Protein backbone atom coordinates (compact mmCIF):
# COMPACT_ATOMS: atom_id res chain seq x y z
CA MET A 1 3.71 -23.25 -6.21
CA THR A 2 2.98 -23.06 -2.54
CA VAL A 3 -0.54 -23.76 -0.01
CA PRO A 4 -0.73 -19.84 0.80
CA ASN A 5 -0.21 -19.44 -3.27
CA PHE A 6 -3.34 -21.58 -3.60
CA ILE A 7 -5.23 -20.45 -1.23
CA SER A 8 -4.68 -16.90 -2.90
CA ILE A 9 -5.62 -17.85 -6.10
CA ALA A 10 -8.61 -19.48 -5.14
CA ARG A 11 -9.69 -15.94 -3.17
CA LEU A 12 -9.00 -14.53 -6.53
CA LEU A 13 -11.71 -17.62 -8.15
CA ALA A 14 -14.08 -16.62 -5.41
CA VAL A 15 -14.52 -13.00 -6.97
CA PRO A 16 -17.31 -13.98 -9.91
CA VAL A 17 -19.02 -16.47 -7.37
CA LEU A 18 -19.26 -13.45 -5.20
CA VAL A 19 -20.25 -11.18 -8.33
CA TRP A 20 -23.07 -13.52 -9.31
CA ALA A 21 -24.30 -13.85 -5.40
CA LEU A 22 -24.85 -10.04 -5.02
CA ILE A 23 -26.33 -9.47 -8.93
CA ASP A 24 -28.80 -12.82 -8.04
CA GLY A 25 -29.56 -11.23 -4.47
CA ARG A 26 -27.92 -14.41 -2.80
CA TRP A 27 -27.05 -12.68 0.57
CA ASP A 28 -25.90 -15.46 2.21
CA LEU A 29 -23.53 -16.95 -0.22
CA ALA A 30 -22.22 -13.24 -0.55
CA PHE A 31 -21.51 -12.93 2.79
CA LEU A 32 -20.28 -16.83 3.24
CA ILE A 33 -17.85 -15.90 0.94
CA PHE A 34 -16.93 -12.84 2.90
CA ILE A 35 -16.05 -14.71 5.87
CA VAL A 36 -14.60 -17.46 3.98
CA ALA A 37 -12.22 -15.14 2.47
CA GLY A 38 -11.40 -13.81 5.53
CA ILE A 39 -11.19 -16.96 7.36
CA SER A 40 -8.36 -18.04 4.58
CA ASP A 41 -6.91 -14.85 4.40
CA ALA A 42 -6.05 -15.56 8.34
CA VAL A 43 -4.95 -18.92 7.17
CA ASP A 44 -2.46 -18.71 4.26
CA GLY A 45 -0.57 -15.91 6.17
CA ALA A 46 -0.48 -18.06 9.10
CA ILE A 47 1.13 -21.36 6.78
CA ALA A 48 2.93 -19.09 5.03
CA ARG A 49 4.92 -17.78 8.24
CA ARG A 50 4.45 -21.02 10.15
CA PHE A 51 5.81 -23.20 7.31
CA ASN A 52 8.37 -20.81 5.55
CA GLN A 53 6.26 -20.49 2.23
CA GLN A 54 6.49 -17.26 1.86
CA SER A 55 7.20 -16.53 -1.40
CA ALA A 56 7.27 -13.57 -3.97
CA LEU A 57 4.62 -14.49 -5.85
CA GLY A 58 2.43 -14.52 -2.58
CA ALA A 59 3.62 -11.35 -2.03
CA TYR A 60 1.39 -9.87 -4.78
CA LEU A 61 -1.45 -12.78 -4.72
CA ASP A 62 -2.50 -12.00 -1.59
CA PRO A 63 -3.51 -8.21 -1.19
CA ILE A 64 -4.35 -8.73 -5.11
CA ALA A 65 -6.96 -11.40 -4.08
CA ASP A 66 -7.80 -9.61 -0.76
CA LYS A 67 -8.39 -5.74 -2.82
CA ALA A 68 -10.37 -7.75 -5.76
CA LEU A 69 -12.66 -8.97 -3.09
CA LEU A 70 -12.78 -5.66 -0.80
CA ILE A 71 -13.60 -3.97 -4.58
CA THR A 72 -16.20 -6.08 -5.22
CA ILE A 73 -18.13 -5.87 -2.65
CA PHE A 74 -18.01 -2.43 -2.89
CA VAL A 75 -18.85 -1.63 -6.18
CA GLY A 76 -21.63 -4.51 -6.02
CA LEU A 77 -22.92 -2.74 -3.20
CA ALA A 78 -22.72 0.80 -4.14
CA LEU A 79 -24.53 -0.97 -7.62
CA LEU A 80 -27.21 -2.39 -5.19
CA GLY A 81 -27.96 0.66 -3.69
CA GLU A 82 -26.73 -0.76 -0.51
CA LEU A 83 -23.71 1.80 0.04
CA PRO A 84 -23.31 5.31 -1.60
CA ALA A 85 -21.52 5.38 -5.06
CA TRP A 86 -19.58 7.86 -4.26
CA LEU A 87 -17.80 5.93 -1.52
CA ALA A 88 -17.27 3.13 -4.10
CA ILE A 89 -15.69 5.61 -6.15
CA ALA A 90 -13.37 6.63 -3.67
CA VAL A 91 -12.05 3.29 -2.10
CA VAL A 92 -11.54 2.16 -6.04
CA THR A 93 -9.85 5.50 -6.91
CA ARG A 94 -7.45 5.15 -4.08
CA ASP A 95 -6.56 1.56 -4.99
CA VAL A 96 -5.67 2.92 -8.50
CA LEU A 97 -3.97 5.83 -7.51
CA ILE A 98 -1.81 3.71 -5.19
CA MET A 99 -0.79 1.22 -8.06
CA ALA A 100 -0.45 3.69 -10.62
CA ALA A 101 1.82 5.43 -8.13
CA VAL A 102 3.40 2.10 -7.51
CA VAL A 103 4.01 1.35 -11.56
CA LEU A 104 5.05 4.88 -12.64
CA SER A 105 7.82 4.66 -10.29
CA PHE A 106 9.12 1.75 -11.58
CA VAL A 107 8.72 2.83 -14.90
CA MET A 108 11.02 6.06 -14.52
CA GLY A 109 13.92 3.88 -12.78
CA ARG A 110 12.70 5.03 -9.07
CA PRO A 111 11.07 1.50 -7.61
CA VAL A 112 9.66 1.40 -4.38
CA THR A 113 10.16 -0.59 -0.96
CA MET A 114 6.70 -0.68 0.22
CA ARG A 115 5.31 -1.69 3.76
CA PRO A 116 1.80 -0.55 5.36
CA LEU A 117 1.09 2.69 6.96
CA MET A 118 -1.09 2.49 10.41
CA VAL A 119 -3.49 5.03 8.57
CA SER A 120 -4.07 1.93 5.78
CA LYS A 121 -4.38 -0.83 8.14
CA LEU A 122 -7.42 1.45 10.07
CA THR A 123 -8.21 2.04 6.82
CA THR A 124 -8.56 -1.25 5.78
CA LEU A 125 -9.98 -2.29 8.89
CA ALA A 126 -13.05 0.06 8.38
CA GLN A 127 -13.95 -1.37 4.89
CA LEU A 128 -14.14 -5.04 6.23
CA LEU A 129 -16.35 -4.06 9.34
CA LEU A 130 -18.17 -1.58 6.79
CA ALA A 131 -18.44 -4.81 3.99
CA GLY A 132 -18.95 -7.41 7.02
CA PHE A 133 -22.11 -5.21 8.46
CA ALA A 134 -23.68 -3.88 5.02
CA LEU A 135 -23.48 -7.63 4.02
CA ALA A 136 -24.80 -8.85 7.12
CA GLU A 137 -28.03 -6.89 7.46
CA PRO A 138 -29.97 -8.36 4.90
CA VAL A 139 -28.59 -12.25 6.32
CA PHE A 140 -29.51 -11.53 9.46
CA HIS A 141 -32.31 -9.21 9.03
CA LEU A 142 -30.90 -6.83 11.54
CA PRO A 143 -31.60 -3.41 12.07
CA LEU A 144 -27.48 -1.97 10.91
CA ALA A 145 -28.63 1.16 9.09
CA THR A 146 -27.03 3.13 11.60
CA VAL A 147 -23.89 1.27 12.49
CA VAL A 148 -23.46 0.94 8.77
CA ASP A 149 -24.50 5.06 8.40
CA VAL A 150 -21.46 5.39 10.86
CA LEU A 151 -18.83 3.32 9.14
CA VAL A 152 -19.91 4.65 5.90
CA GLY A 153 -18.17 7.99 7.67
CA VAL A 154 -15.62 6.21 9.08
CA THR A 155 -14.10 4.61 5.64
CA ALA A 156 -14.73 7.91 3.91
CA LEU A 157 -12.48 9.65 6.38
CA LEU A 158 -10.03 7.19 6.50
CA THR A 159 -9.92 6.42 3.09
CA ALA A 160 -9.37 10.06 2.31
CA ILE A 161 -6.16 10.69 5.19
CA SER A 162 -5.23 7.35 3.35
CA ALA A 163 -4.65 8.24 0.10
CA ALA A 164 -3.48 11.67 0.96
CA ALA A 165 -0.71 9.89 2.97
CA TYR A 166 0.65 7.75 0.61
CA LEU A 167 0.54 10.47 -2.38
CA LEU A 168 2.75 12.67 0.33
CA GLU A 169 4.97 9.36 0.75
CA TRP A 170 5.19 9.20 -3.36
CA LEU A 171 6.23 12.55 -3.74
CA ARG A 172 8.91 12.47 -1.12
CA HIS A 173 9.59 9.07 -2.73
CA MET A 174 10.24 10.85 -6.18
CA ALA A 175 11.63 14.09 -4.70
CA SER A 176 14.14 12.64 -2.80
CA GLY A 177 14.92 9.25 -3.79
CA GLU A 178 15.07 7.55 -0.40
CA MET A 179 12.11 7.55 1.58
CA PRO A 180 10.05 4.14 0.74
CA MET A 181 6.72 3.67 0.07
CA HIS A 182 4.13 1.44 1.65
CA ARG A 183 1.74 -1.06 0.57
CA GLU A 184 -1.75 -2.70 1.67
CA ASP A 185 -0.44 -5.88 3.45
CA GLU A 186 2.61 -7.15 4.35
CA SER A 187 4.74 -9.53 2.35
CA ARG A 188 5.04 -13.43 3.04
């Protein structure tokens, strides 16, 4: 087990604490978890590359931890009325469809090689910015409603484009068996 893997596991273990913080209205704690998770994601990646601690387990743990935290934030904020429910549904649905496509490809004997799409990187950036601003607004009592509204639109658009791009990639892969599928985060 490598240090980056332990860091990714710690991010996964932060998910229930994040759920509690959101339910309990502890915006400060939820924002802190979000910031620490972002920093730890950068740190575990840097450690993995710098000290050659990349592993197959880390290639799965890191994006799972990232997605678990982002999905928790989106669903939690939607349930609390801080983000539109339809956006949380769109974000979760996109990720579930991507995972289902990968599993289906594997089950059908057509496993996919995955690399991130540029639109996927932009989608993740928009989701992170939206989550950060939505969590920061109640913590710092800032008038960020307009920024959050704009980011909701940008995130929705990029989520839809990204889902369509992955669907097209997957359909091409399944039709030809030659084209690689892409993935959210780079492997370690």
